[in-house]
Amino acid sequence: MGANTSSLTLSEIEYLQKYSDFSQMEIKRLYSRFRKLDRDFSGRISTESFMNIPELAMNPLAPRIIACFDSNFDDQISFKQFVEVLSVFNSGGKREDKIKLLFNAYDIKGDHFIDSEELEEIMKMMVGSHLSEDEIKKIVDDTIKAADKDGDGKISYEEFEQSLADSDIEKRMSLQVLKPKI
């Protein structure tokens, strides 16, 4: 998608606009950031380079979030994938897209459910060594119990979505990735 050339074509920009919440100017700015991360000019950046974006590097779930967009599991992100990821986190991003991304980040096994093992792994990513194994286990058990409405011991997408009904996920999952530098 034009990522190994010096600029994007108008048709590429228009295509990306259809699948994101970004304006033409924002896409051009994102492309400039992408090119700085694409050190070998291959049109792809490594997931490791993606983690060099300060707004994402602060998030303990960033590796899981990025993995959700690495659809061919090659640890490489194209410019289109780059825009898709950042579009979800754009302040104008849709609530539904944010919830889907968060669910997929928690659903490590990719089986469309979040079980206690997955939730425990995510909790460890988020809290590190600040909580004991027993404290993490208690939080996981309480979370599953609260969200698991059908009693099958795991959380479906619908149950996950319902558990976030009163949360301000739009604000919590929004980054100012395009703020002009002063």
C-alpha atoms as a PDB file:
ATOM      1  CA  MET A   1       0.000   0.000   0.000  1.00  0.00           C
ATOM      2  CA  GLY A   2       2.508   2.613  -1.144  1.00  0.00           C
ATOM      3  CA  ALA A   3       4.494   2.232   2.050  1.00  0.00           C
ATOM      4  CA  ASN A   4       7.782   1.628   0.287  1.00  0.00           C
ATOM      5  CA  THR A   5       7.439   4.743  -1.856  1.00  0.00           C
ATOM      6  CA  SER A   6       7.906   8.327  -0.795  1.00  0.00           C
ATOM      7  CA  SER A   7       4.207   9.140  -0.698  1.00  0.00           C
ATOM      8  CA  LEU A   8       0.757   7.654  -0.839  1.00  0.00           C
ATOM      9  CA  THR A   9      -1.449   7.984  -3.885  1.00  0.00           C
ATOM     10  CA  LEU A  10      -4.799   9.712  -3.628  1.00  0.00           C
ATOM     11  CA  SER A  11      -6.580   6.381  -4.235  1.00  0.00           C
ATOM     12  CA  GLU A  12      -4.627   4.770  -1.362  1.00  0.00           C
ATOM     13  CA  ILE A  13      -5.534   7.646   0.946  1.00  0.00           C
ATOM     14  CA  GLU A  14      -9.204   7.456  -0.062  1.00  0.00           C
ATOM     15  CA  TYR A  15      -9.194   3.693   0.494  1.00  0.00           C
ATOM     16  CA  LEU A  16      -7.769   4.152   4.016  1.00  0.00           C
ATOM     17  CA  GLN A  17     -10.316   6.879   4.778  1.00  0.00           C
ATOM     18  CA  LYS A  18     -13.139   4.411   4.079  1.00  0.00           C
ATOM     19  CA  TYR A  19     -11.786   1.967   6.662  1.00  0.00           C
ATOM     20  CA  SER A  20     -10.744   4.395   9.358  1.00  0.00           C
ATOM     21  CA  ASP A  21     -11.869   7.505  11.161  1.00  0.00           C
ATOM     22  CA  PHE A  22      -8.969   9.557   9.827  1.00  0.00           C
ATOM     23  CA  SER A  23      -8.995  12.517   7.448  1.00  0.00           C
ATOM     24  CA  GLN A  24      -6.648  12.737   4.465  1.00  0.00           C
ATOM     25  CA  MET A  25      -4.309  15.024   6.435  1.00  0.00           C
ATOM     26  CA  GLU A  26      -4.264  12.623   9.402  1.00  0.00           C
ATOM     27  CA  ILE A  27      -3.483   9.674   7.123  1.00  0.00           C
ATOM     28  CA  LYS A  28      -0.583  11.619   5.630  1.00  0.00           C
ATOM     29  CA  ARG A  29       0.740  12.363   9.135  1.00  0.00           C
ATOM     30  CA  LEU A  30       0.376   8.722  10.118  1.00  0.00           C
ATOM     31  CA  TYR A  31       2.228   7.730   6.963  1.00  0.00           C
ATOM     32  CA  SER A  32       5.067  10.038   7.921  1.00  0.00           C
ATOM     33  CA  ARG A  33       5.258   8.393  11.368  1.00  0.00           C
ATOM     34  CA  PHE A  34       5.080   4.948   9.796  1.00  0.00           C
ATOM     35  CA  ARG A  35       7.942   5.716   7.413  1.00  0.00           C
ATOM     36  CA  LYS A  36      10.125   6.789  10.354  1.00  0.00           C
ATOM     37  CA  LEU A  37       9.511   3.374  11.958  1.00  0.00           C
ATOM     38  CA  ASP A  38      10.081   1.517   8.655  1.00  0.00           C
ATOM     39  CA  ARG A  39      13.868   1.654   8.874  1.00  0.00           C
ATOM     40  CA  ASP A  40      14.511  -0.795   6.015  1.00  0.00           C
ATOM     41  CA  PHE A  41      11.908   0.825   3.695  1.00  0.00           C
ATOM     42  CA  SER A  42      10.156  -2.531   3.230  1.00  0.00           C
ATOM     43  CA  GLY A  43       6.663  -1.097   3.616  1.00  0.00           C
ATOM     44  CA  ARG A  44       6.268  -3.017   6.873  1.00  0.00           C
ATOM     45  CA  ILE A  45       7.375  -2.441  10.426  1.00  0.00           C
ATOM     46  CA  SER A  46       8.164  -5.041  13.013  1.00  0.00           C
ATOM     47  CA  THR A  47       5.854  -5.394  15.965  1.00  0.00           C
ATOM     48  CA  GLU A  48       8.887  -4.399  18.027  1.00  0.00           C
ATOM     49  CA  SER A  49       9.152  -1.094  16.121  1.00  0.00           C
ATOM     50  CA  PHE A  50       5.426  -0.588  16.586  1.00  0.00           C
ATOM     51  CA  MET A  51       6.082  -0.698  20.319  1.00  0.00           C
ATOM     52  CA  ASN A  52       8.308   2.376  19.899  1.00  0.00           C
ATOM     53  CA  ILE A  53       5.191   4.512  19.631  1.00  0.00           C
ATOM     54  CA  PRO A  54       5.137   6.099  23.103  1.00  0.00           C
ATOM     55  CA  GLU A  55       1.345   6.134  23.338  1.00  0.00           C
ATOM     56  CA  LEU A  56       1.251   2.361  22.856  1.00  0.00           C
ATOM     57  CA  ALA A  57       4.428   1.448  24.718  1.00  0.00           C
ATOM     58  CA  MET A  58       2.831   2.658  27.968  1.00  0.00           C
ATOM     59  CA  ASN A  59       0.021   0.112  27.667  1.00  0.00           C
ATOM     60  CA  PRO A  60       0.862  -3.281  29.209  1.00  0.00           C
ATOM     61  CA  LEU A  61      -1.569  -4.925  26.783  1.00  0.00           C
ATOM     62  CA  ALA A  62       0.087  -3.397  23.707  1.00  0.00           C
ATOM     63  CA  PRO A  63       1.736  -6.677  22.607  1.00  0.00           C
ATOM     64  CA  ARG A  64      -1.660  -8.423  22.705  1.00  0.00           C
ATOM     65  CA  ILE A  65      -3.357  -5.530  20.914  1.00  0.00           C
ATOM     66  CA  ILE A  66      -0.737  -5.483  18.169  1.00  0.00           C
ATOM     67  CA  ALA A  67      -1.020  -9.264  17.837  1.00  0.00           C
ATOM     68  CA  CYS A  68      -4.706  -8.801  17.026  1.00  0.00           C
ATOM     69  CA  PHE A  69      -3.716  -6.904  13.881  1.00  0.00           C
ATOM     70  CA  ASP A  70      -0.828  -9.128  12.791  1.00  0.00           C
ATOM     71  CA  SER A  71      -3.238 -11.276  10.801  1.00  0.00           C
ATOM     72  CA  ASN A  72      -0.563 -13.382   9.109  1.00  0.00           C
ATOM     73  CA  PHE A  73       1.466 -13.843  12.326  1.00  0.00           C
ATOM     74  CA  ASP A  74       4.752 -12.693  10.798  1.00  0.00           C
ATOM     75  CA  ASP A  75       5.533 -10.013  13.423  1.00  0.00           C
ATOM     76  CA  GLN A  76       5.237  -7.398  10.685  1.00  0.00           C
ATOM     77  CA  ILE A  77       2.659  -4.628  10.365  1.00  0.00           C
ATOM     78  CA  SER A  78       1.761  -3.038   7.017  1.00  0.00           C
ATOM     79  CA  PHE A  79       0.688   0.591   6.746  1.00  0.00           C
ATOM     80  CA  LYS A  80      -2.932  -0.540   6.294  1.00  0.00           C
ATOM     81  CA  GLN A  81      -2.730  -2.568   9.538  1.00  0.00           C
ATOM     82  CA  PHE A  82      -1.019   0.389  11.229  1.00  0.00           C
ATOM     83  CA  VAL A  83      -3.954   2.644  10.294  1.00  0.00           C
ATOM     84  CA  GLU A  84      -6.467  -0.017  11.409  1.00  0.00           C
ATOM     85  CA  VAL A  85      -4.864  -0.268  14.854  1.00  0.00           C
ATOM     86  CA  LEU A  86      -4.656   3.460  15.378  1.00  0.00           C
ATOM     87  CA  SER A  87      -8.167   4.014  14.026  1.00  0.00           C
ATOM     88  CA  VAL A  88      -9.593   1.933  16.863  1.00  0.00           C
ATOM     89  CA  PHE A  89      -7.722   4.127  19.337  1.00  0.00           C
ATOM     90  CA  ASN A  90      -8.618   7.385  17.618  1.00  0.00           C
ATOM     91  CA  SER A  91     -10.808   9.549  19.825  1.00  0.00           C
ATOM     92  CA  GLY A  92     -13.545   9.262  17.172  1.00  0.00           C
ATOM     93  CA  GLY A  93     -13.260   5.469  17.098  1.00  0.00           C
ATOM     94  CA  LYS A  94     -16.425   3.458  17.548  1.00  0.00           C
ATOM     95  CA  ARG A  95     -17.249   1.947  20.938  1.00  0.00           C
ATOM     96  CA  GLU A  96     -18.041  -1.407  19.309  1.00  0.00           C
ATOM     97  CA  ASP A  97     -14.619  -1.533  17.625  1.00  0.00           C
ATOM     98  CA  LYS A  98     -12.886  -0.762  20.914  1.00  0.00           C
ATOM     99  CA  ILE A  99     -14.802  -3.523  22.721  1.00  0.00           C
ATOM    100  CA  LYS A 100     -14.072  -6.035  19.938  1.00  0.00           C
ATOM    101  CA  LEU A 101     -10.381  -5.213  20.043  1.00  0.00           C
ATOM    102  CA  LEU A 102     -10.233  -5.492  23.815  1.00  0.00           C
ATOM    103  CA  PHE A 103     -12.104  -8.813  23.753  1.00  0.00           C
ATOM    104  CA  ASN A 104      -9.738 -10.181  21.109  1.00  0.00           C
ATOM    105  CA  ALA A 105      -6.745  -9.032  23.154  1.00  0.00           C
ATOM    106  CA  TYR A 106      -8.085 -10.991  26.142  1.00  0.00           C
ATOM    107  CA  ASP A 107      -9.074 -14.008  24.009  1.00  0.00           C
ATOM    108  CA  ILE A 108      -5.513 -15.303  23.717  1.00  0.00           C
ATOM    109  CA  LYS A 109      -6.555 -18.746  22.457  1.00  0.00           C
ATOM    110  CA  GLY A 110      -8.797 -17.248  19.777  1.00  0.00           C
ATOM    111  CA  ASP A 111     -11.719 -19.516  20.697  1.00  0.00           C
ATOM    112  CA  HIS A 112     -14.225 -16.632  21.132  1.00  0.00           C
ATOM    113  CA  PHE A 113     -14.282 -16.996  24.912  1.00  0.00           C
ATOM    114  CA  ILE A 114     -12.198 -15.641  27.764  1.00  0.00           C
ATOM    115  CA  ASP A 115     -11.466 -18.284  30.367  1.00  0.00           C
ATOM    116  CA  SER A 116      -9.784 -17.946  33.745  1.00  0.00           C
ATOM    117  CA  GLU A 117      -6.389 -18.977  32.337  1.00  0.00           C
ATOM    118  CA  GLU A 118      -6.470 -16.207  29.728  1.00  0.00           C
ATOM    119  CA  LEU A 119      -7.764 -13.656  32.199  1.00  0.00           C
ATOM    120  CA  GLU A 120      -5.024 -14.595  34.644  1.00  0.00           C
ATOM    121  CA  GLU A 121      -2.354 -14.120  31.958  1.00  0.00           C
ATOM    122  CA  ILE A 122      -3.769 -10.705  31.058  1.00  0.00           C
ATOM    123  CA  MET A 123      -3.910  -9.712  34.731  1.00  0.00           C
ATOM    124  CA  LYS A 124      -0.246 -10.624  35.131  1.00  0.00           C
ATOM    125  CA  MET A 125       0.602  -8.417  32.145  1.00  0.00           C
ATOM    126  CA  MET A 126      -1.328  -5.545  33.663  1.00  0.00           C
ATOM    127  CA  VAL A 127      -0.191  -5.707  37.281  1.00  0.00           C
ATOM    128  CA  GLY A 128       3.204  -7.358  36.956  1.00  0.00           C
ATOM    129  CA  SER A 129       4.536  -8.335  40.352  1.00  0.00           C
ATOM    130  CA  HIS A 130       2.403  -5.819  42.250  1.00  0.00           C
ATOM    131  CA  LEU A 131      -0.082  -8.504  43.282  1.00  0.00           C
ATOM    132  CA  SER A 132       0.443 -11.995  44.598  1.00  0.00           C
ATOM    133  CA  GLU A 133      -0.705 -15.106  42.714  1.00  0.00           C
ATOM    134  CA  ASP A 134      -3.532 -15.497  45.237  1.00  0.00           C
ATOM    135  CA  GLU A 135      -4.675 -11.897  44.761  1.00  0.00           C
ATOM    136  CA  ILE A 136      -4.663 -12.304  40.986  1.00  0.00           C
ATOM    137  CA  LYS A 137      -6.562 -15.589  41.254  1.00  0.00           C
ATOM    138  CA  LYS A 138      -9.196 -13.929  43.467  1.00  0.00           C
ATOM    139  CA  ILE A 139      -9.652 -11.059  41.005  1.00  0.00           C
ATOM    140  CA  VAL A 140      -9.933 -13.518  38.100  1.00  0.00           C
ATOM    141  CA  ASP A 141     -12.468 -15.690  39.955  1.00  0.00           C
ATOM    142  CA  ASP A 142     -14.539 -12.637  40.951  1.00  0.00           C
ATOM    143  CA  THR A 143     -14.420 -11.275  37.395  1.00  0.00           C
ATOM    144  CA  ILE A 144     -15.517 -14.549  35.832  1.00  0.00           C
ATOM    145  CA  LYS A 145     -18.284 -14.923  38.417  1.00  0.00           C
ATOM    146  CA  ALA A 146     -19.580 -11.389  37.774  1.00  0.00           C
ATOM    147  CA  ALA A 147     -19.456 -11.540  33.963  1.00  0.00           C
ATOM    148  CA  ASP A 148     -20.365 -15.198  33.320  1.00  0.00           C
ATOM    149  CA  LYS A 149     -24.151 -14.949  33.062  1.00  0.00           C
ATOM    150  CA  ASP A 150     -24.739 -18.440  31.635  1.00  0.00           C
ATOM    151  CA  GLY A 151     -22.588 -20.229  34.224  1.00  0.00           C
ATOM    152  CA  ASP A 152     -20.259 -22.004  31.778  1.00  0.00           C
ATOM    153  CA  GLY A 153     -17.097 -20.769  33.515  1.00  0.00           C
ATOM    154  CA  LYS A 154     -15.988 -18.485  30.696  1.00  0.00           C
ATOM    155  CA  ILE A 155     -16.896 -15.108  29.246  1.00  0.00           C
ATOM    156  CA  SER A 156     -18.454 -14.862  25.782  1.00  0.00           C
ATOM    157  CA  TYR A 157     -18.260 -11.706  23.675  1.00  0.00           C
ATOM    158  CA  GLU A 158     -21.841 -10.829  24.613  1.00  0.00           C
ATOM    159  CA  GLU A 159     -21.101 -11.247  28.321  1.00  0.00           C
ATOM    160  CA  PHE A 160     -17.908  -9.208  27.937  1.00  0.00           C
ATOM    161  CA  GLU A 161     -19.774  -6.441  26.134  1.00  0.00           C
ATOM    162  CA  GLN A 162     -22.484  -6.408  28.815  1.00  0.00           C
ATOM    163  CA  SER A 163     -19.868  -6.205  31.587  1.00  0.00           C
ATOM    164  CA  LEU A 164     -18.550  -3.016  29.957  1.00  0.00           C
ATOM    165  CA  ALA A 165     -21.999  -1.425  29.549  1.00  0.00           C
ATOM    166  CA  ASP A 166     -21.409   1.194  32.236  1.00  0.00           C
ATOM    167  CA  SER A 167     -17.750   1.858  31.439  1.00  0.00           C
ATOM    168  CA  ASP A 168     -16.330   4.824  29.600  1.00  0.00           C
ATOM    169  CA  ILE A 169     -14.389   2.669  27.171  1.00  0.00           C
ATOM    170  CA  GLU A 170     -14.389   5.343  24.461  1.00  0.00           C
ATOM    171  CA  LYS A 171     -12.319   7.612  26.686  1.00  0.00           C
ATOM    172  CA  ARG A 172     -10.165   4.888  28.224  1.00  0.00           C
ATOM    173  CA  MET A 173      -9.221   3.437  24.835  1.00  0.00           C
ATOM    174  CA  SER A 174      -8.481   6.693  23.040  1.00  0.00           C
ATOM    175  CA  LEU A 175      -5.069   8.063  22.212  1.00  0.00           C
ATOM    176  CA  GLN A 176      -4.083  11.423  20.856  1.00  0.00           C
ATOM    177  CA  VAL A 177      -1.782   9.850  18.254  1.00  0.00           C
ATOM    178  CA  LEU A 178      -1.962  12.787  15.886  1.00  0.00           C
ATOM    179  CA  LYS A 179      -1.340  15.719  18.218  1.00  0.00           C
ATOM    180  CA  PRO A 180       0.924  18.187  16.480  1.00  0.00           C
ATOM    181  CA  LYS A 181       4.269  18.558  18.188  1.00  0.00           C
ATOM    182  CA  ILE A 182       4.855  22.015  19.607  1.00  0.00           C
END
